[in-house]
Protein backbone atom coordinates (compact mmCIF):
# COMPACT_ATOMS: atom_id res chain seq x y z
CA UNK A 1 172.80 47.87 160.71
CA UNK A 2 174.31 46.92 163.98
CA UNK A 3 175.19 48.28 167.40
CA UNK A 4 178.94 47.56 167.19
CA UNK A 5 180.91 47.69 170.46
CA UNK A 6 177.97 48.81 172.56
CA UNK A 7 176.22 45.55 171.68
CA UNK A 8 179.32 43.35 171.64
CA UNK A 9 178.12 40.80 174.18
CA UNK A 10 174.64 40.75 172.66
CA UNK A 11 176.12 39.89 169.26
CA UNK A 12 178.13 37.05 170.77
CA UNK A 13 175.00 35.60 172.32
CA UNK A 14 173.05 36.18 169.10
CA UNK A 15 175.70 34.29 167.13
CA UNK A 16 174.91 31.15 169.15
CA UNK A 17 171.22 31.71 168.36
CA UNK A 18 172.11 32.04 164.67
CA UNK A 19 174.01 28.75 164.73
CA UNK A 20 170.84 27.14 166.10
CA UNK A 21 168.79 28.67 163.24
CA UNK A 22 167.17 31.23 165.57
CA UNK A 23 164.92 28.65 167.22
CA UNK A 24 165.14 30.83 170.31
CA UNK A 25 166.61 34.30 169.70
CA UNK A 26 165.93 36.96 172.37
CA UNK A 27 169.33 38.60 171.84
CA UNK A 28 168.98 38.88 168.07
CA UNK A 29 165.37 40.03 168.42
CA UNK A 30 166.50 42.80 170.77
CA UNK A 31 169.24 43.86 168.36
CA UNK A 32 166.96 43.90 165.32
CA UNK A 33 164.15 45.68 167.17
CA UNK A 34 166.60 48.43 168.08
CA UNK A 35 167.87 48.64 164.49
CA UNK A 36 164.45 48.84 162.88
CA UNK A 37 163.22 51.38 165.43
CA UNK A 38 166.18 53.55 164.49
CA UNK A 39 165.49 53.20 160.78
CA UNK A 40 161.78 53.83 161.30
CA UNK A 41 162.73 57.21 162.80
CA UNK A 42 165.00 57.88 159.82
CA UNK A 43 162.17 57.07 157.41
CA UNK A 44 159.63 59.17 159.30
CA UNK A 45 161.95 62.19 159.33
CA UNK A 46 162.55 61.80 155.60
CA UNK A 47 158.82 61.62 154.91
CA UNK A 48 157.99 64.57 157.16
CA UNK A 49 160.92 66.78 156.10
CA UNK A 50 162.07 65.50 152.69
CA UNK A 51 164.10 68.62 151.83
CA UNK A 52 165.59 69.11 155.29
CA UNK A 53 166.58 65.61 156.41
CA UNK A 54 168.96 63.34 154.53
CA UNK A 55 170.40 59.92 155.31
CA UNK A 56 173.47 58.71 153.41
CA UNK A 57 174.19 55.10 152.54
CA UNK A 58 177.11 53.51 154.35
CA UNK A 59 178.74 50.13 153.99
CA UNK A 60 176.31 48.56 156.48
CA UNK A 61 173.25 49.49 154.42
CA UNK A 62 173.42 46.02 152.90
CA UNK A 63 170.59 43.98 154.36
CA UNK A 64 171.10 41.21 151.78
CA UNK A 65 174.75 40.89 152.82
CA UNK A 66 175.51 40.84 149.12
CA UNK A 67 178.85 40.99 147.37
CA UNK A 68 178.09 43.30 144.46
CA UNK A 69 176.38 46.60 143.58
CA UNK A 70 179.11 48.38 145.52
CA UNK A 71 178.51 46.22 148.60
CA UNK A 72 180.58 43.63 150.44
CA UNK A 73 179.50 41.10 153.09
CA UNK A 74 180.64 42.13 156.53
CA UNK A 75 181.42 40.74 159.95
CA UNK A 76 183.08 42.29 162.96
CA UNK A 77 182.20 40.79 166.33
CA UNK A 78 180.10 37.90 165.04
CA UNK A 79 178.65 37.34 161.57
CA UNK A 80 176.48 40.44 161.53
CA UNK A 81 175.78 40.44 157.79
CA UNK A 82 174.53 36.87 157.32
CA UNK A 83 172.88 36.92 160.74
CA UNK A 84 170.81 39.97 159.81
CA UNK A 85 169.85 38.62 156.38
CA UNK A 86 168.76 35.25 157.77
CA UNK A 87 166.83 36.75 160.68
CA UNK A 88 164.91 39.21 158.49
CA UNK A 89 164.16 36.61 155.85
CA UNK A 90 162.91 34.13 158.46
CA UNK A 91 160.76 36.47 160.57
CA UNK A 92 159.84 39.31 158.18
CA UNK A 93 159.72 37.42 154.88
CA UNK A 94 161.16 37.80 151.41
CA UNK A 95 158.84 40.62 150.35
CA UNK A 96 159.90 42.82 153.27
CA UNK A 97 163.57 41.95 152.72
CA UNK A 98 163.41 42.91 149.05
CA UNK A 99 161.53 46.15 149.77
CA UNK A 100 164.08 47.14 152.38
CA UNK A 101 166.88 46.36 149.95
CA UNK A 102 165.28 48.75 147.43
CA UNK A 103 165.15 51.44 150.12
CA UNK A 104 168.87 51.03 150.81
CA UNK A 105 169.78 51.09 147.13
CA UNK A 106 167.93 54.37 146.66
CA UNK A 107 169.83 56.17 149.43
CA UNK A 108 172.19 58.97 148.35
CA UNK A 109 175.92 58.44 148.81
CA UNK A 110 177.12 62.04 149.04
CA UNK A 111 175.86 65.38 150.34
CA UNK A 112 177.11 68.80 149.30
CA UNK A 113 176.89 72.10 151.16
CA UNK A 114 178.22 75.56 150.43
CA UNK A 115 181.70 74.72 151.73
CA UNK A 116 181.59 71.03 152.62
CA UNK A 117 180.98 67.51 151.35
CA UNK A 118 179.79 64.55 153.42
CA UNK A 119 180.10 60.85 152.63
CA UNK A 120 180.23 57.70 154.73
CA UNK A 121 183.89 57.06 153.95
CA UNK A 122 186.55 59.13 152.29
CA UNK A 123 186.65 58.69 148.48
CA UNK A 124 188.82 55.94 147.10
CA UNK A 125 189.65 58.02 144.03
CA UNK A 126 188.33 60.99 142.07
CA UNK A 127 184.71 60.63 140.95
CA UNK A 128 182.85 63.03 138.69
CA UNK A 129 179.52 64.60 139.55
CA UNK A 130 177.92 62.54 136.78
CA UNK A 131 179.31 59.30 138.22
CA UNK A 132 178.02 60.21 141.68
CA UNK A 133 174.54 61.14 140.43
CA UNK A 134 174.39 57.90 138.43
CA UNK A 135 176.15 55.75 141.01
CA UNK A 136 173.76 52.83 140.55
CA UNK A 137 175.30 52.42 137.11
CA UNK A 138 178.75 52.73 138.66
CA UNK A 139 178.94 50.35 141.66
CA UNK A 140 182.64 51.16 142.06
CA UNK A 141 181.58 54.68 143.09
CA UNK A 142 179.25 53.31 145.77
CA UNK A 143 182.03 51.08 147.05
CA UNK A 144 184.55 53.93 146.90
CA UNK A 145 182.39 56.26 149.01
CA UNK A 146 181.29 53.69 151.59
CA UNK A 147 184.16 51.23 152.12
CA UNK A 148 187.43 53.20 151.76
CA UNK A 149 190.00 53.46 154.51
CA UNK A 150 192.97 55.79 154.32
CA UNK A 151 195.47 53.21 153.08
CA UNK A 152 193.32 52.49 150.02
CA UNK A 153 192.60 56.12 149.14
CA UNK A 154 194.19 57.96 146.25
CA UNK A 155 196.32 60.83 147.53
CA UNK A 156 194.91 64.18 146.46
CA UNK A 157 191.47 62.86 145.49
CA UNK A 158 189.63 64.97 148.08
CA UNK A 159 191.02 68.40 147.03
CA UNK A 160 190.29 67.59 143.40
CA UNK A 161 186.70 66.60 144.17
CA UNK A 162 186.19 69.66 146.37
CA UNK A 163 187.24 71.78 143.39
CA UNK A 164 184.93 69.89 141.04
CA UNK A 165 181.86 69.76 143.26
CA UNK A 166 182.07 72.97 145.31
CA UNK A 167 184.54 75.15 143.47
CA UNK A 168 186.32 78.18 144.86
CA UNK A 169 184.55 79.68 147.89
CA UNK A 170 185.70 82.21 150.52
CA UNK A 171 185.28 79.71 153.36
CA UNK A 172 187.69 76.92 154.21
CA UNK A 173 186.36 73.76 152.58
CA UNK A 174 185.95 70.44 154.41
CA UNK A 175 185.18 66.81 153.62
CA UNK A 176 183.39 65.10 156.51
CA UNK A 177 183.24 61.31 156.86
CA UNK A 178 183.15 58.45 159.34
CA UNK A 179 183.70 54.74 158.67
CA UNK A 180 187.27 54.41 159.95
CA UNK A 181 187.32 54.20 163.74
CA UNK A 182 189.39 56.83 165.55
CA UNK A 183 190.29 57.18 169.23
CA UNK A 184 189.81 60.94 169.54
CA UNK A 185 186.72 63.14 169.21
CA UNK A 186 187.69 63.94 165.63
CA UNK A 187 190.67 63.69 163.31
CA UNK A 188 191.59 66.54 160.97
CA UNK A 189 193.98 66.03 158.05
CA UNK A 190 194.70 69.55 156.87
CA UNK A 191 196.36 68.81 153.52
CA UNK A 192 193.26 66.86 152.48
CA UNK A 193 190.70 69.09 154.23
CA UNK A 194 189.39 65.86 155.77
CA UNK A 195 187.49 65.69 159.08
CA UNK A 196 186.76 62.20 160.44
CA UNK A 197 184.38 61.79 163.38
CA UNK A 198 183.83 58.06 163.89
CA UNK A 199 184.79 57.24 167.47
CA UNK A 200 182.54 54.27 168.46
CA UNK A 201 182.87 55.20 172.14
CA UNK A 202 181.40 58.69 171.59
CA UNK A 203 178.26 60.24 170.14
CA UNK A 204 179.78 63.00 168.04
CA UNK A 205 177.98 65.64 165.99
CA UNK A 206 179.17 68.28 163.55
CA UNK A 207 177.08 71.44 163.72
CA UNK A 208 177.15 73.79 160.74
CA UNK A 209 175.93 77.30 161.57
CA UNK A 210 174.59 79.23 158.58
CA UNK A 211 175.77 82.61 159.84
CA UNK A 212 178.89 81.55 161.70
CA UNK A 213 182.30 80.46 160.42
CA UNK A 214 182.98 76.78 161.07
CA UNK A 215 185.31 76.13 163.98
CA UNK A 216 186.18 72.53 164.85
CA UNK A 217 186.64 73.24 168.57
CA UNK A 218 183.23 74.88 168.83
CA UNK A 219 181.20 73.05 166.22
CA UNK A 220 182.23 69.43 166.75
CA UNK A 221 180.45 68.34 169.90
CA UNK A 222 179.87 65.10 171.80
CA UNK A 223 176.53 64.25 173.36
CA UNK A 224 176.63 63.06 176.98
CA UNK A 225 176.71 59.32 177.49
CA UNK A 226 173.48 57.86 178.83
CA UNK A 227 172.73 54.47 180.29
CA UNK A 228 171.82 53.19 176.82
CA UNK A 229 175.12 54.27 175.25
CA UNK A 230 177.62 52.32 177.34
CA UNK A 231 180.24 50.64 175.18
CA UNK A 232 182.74 47.87 175.59
CA UNK A 233 186.05 49.61 174.85
CA UNK A 234 188.20 46.53 175.32
CA UNK A 235 187.79 45.19 171.80
CA UNK A 236 189.24 47.40 169.05
CA UNK A 237 189.32 44.91 166.19
CA UNK A 238 189.09 46.33 162.70
CA UNK A 239 186.15 45.24 160.61
CA UNK A 240 186.69 42.06 158.65
CA UNK A 241 185.69 42.14 155.00
CA UNK A 242 185.15 38.95 153.07
CA UNK A 243 186.38 40.46 149.81
CA UNK A 244 188.83 43.28 148.91
């Protein structure tokens, strides 16, 4: 959980608070309040509409900042992973931290529709349906669907998995993901049927119409930018990972 570029300056201030063991921490408190409010909405939607609302695990669903179980510690603009873990442990307690960790570990890592698949990142290699359904026994699958960037991905893995999981359908098939930052509204790689939509400066949605053929120009839309969605576009650093 973190606000990325939009909260860049807040993270830099919060890092100083972290180094002082959060004795005074208005910046970090503001960041974490925003994060937990967001996740409270996610949880409420899941409770109210369990069959209609789904939230997939990404690489930042790692409140313990652990290195294992398909997770890696992370840092980008400050030390977001250890900062979050220490703040939650100090102000919310171990019981809350452990319960939230269980919530994250029970999140699904892939969604399937009639002609599409969604995951946080593109797949690192080919994974079977059984491996995906039992991903907690296969942490390499969790890692491979939440941490993979294009240079680490096996060529041809996506078409193979589309065949395995969806099969042959009349519609054009797509694999939707985020994770890797892009500079355009979306990025389409036709030979892999891959659509990436993670531009941190935009709020992009993919809309799937049940009775309408999917068209990227019409069905990938960007919400207008409000006063609470301003971003600092000057810093385009890639995310640092403390292990491969």
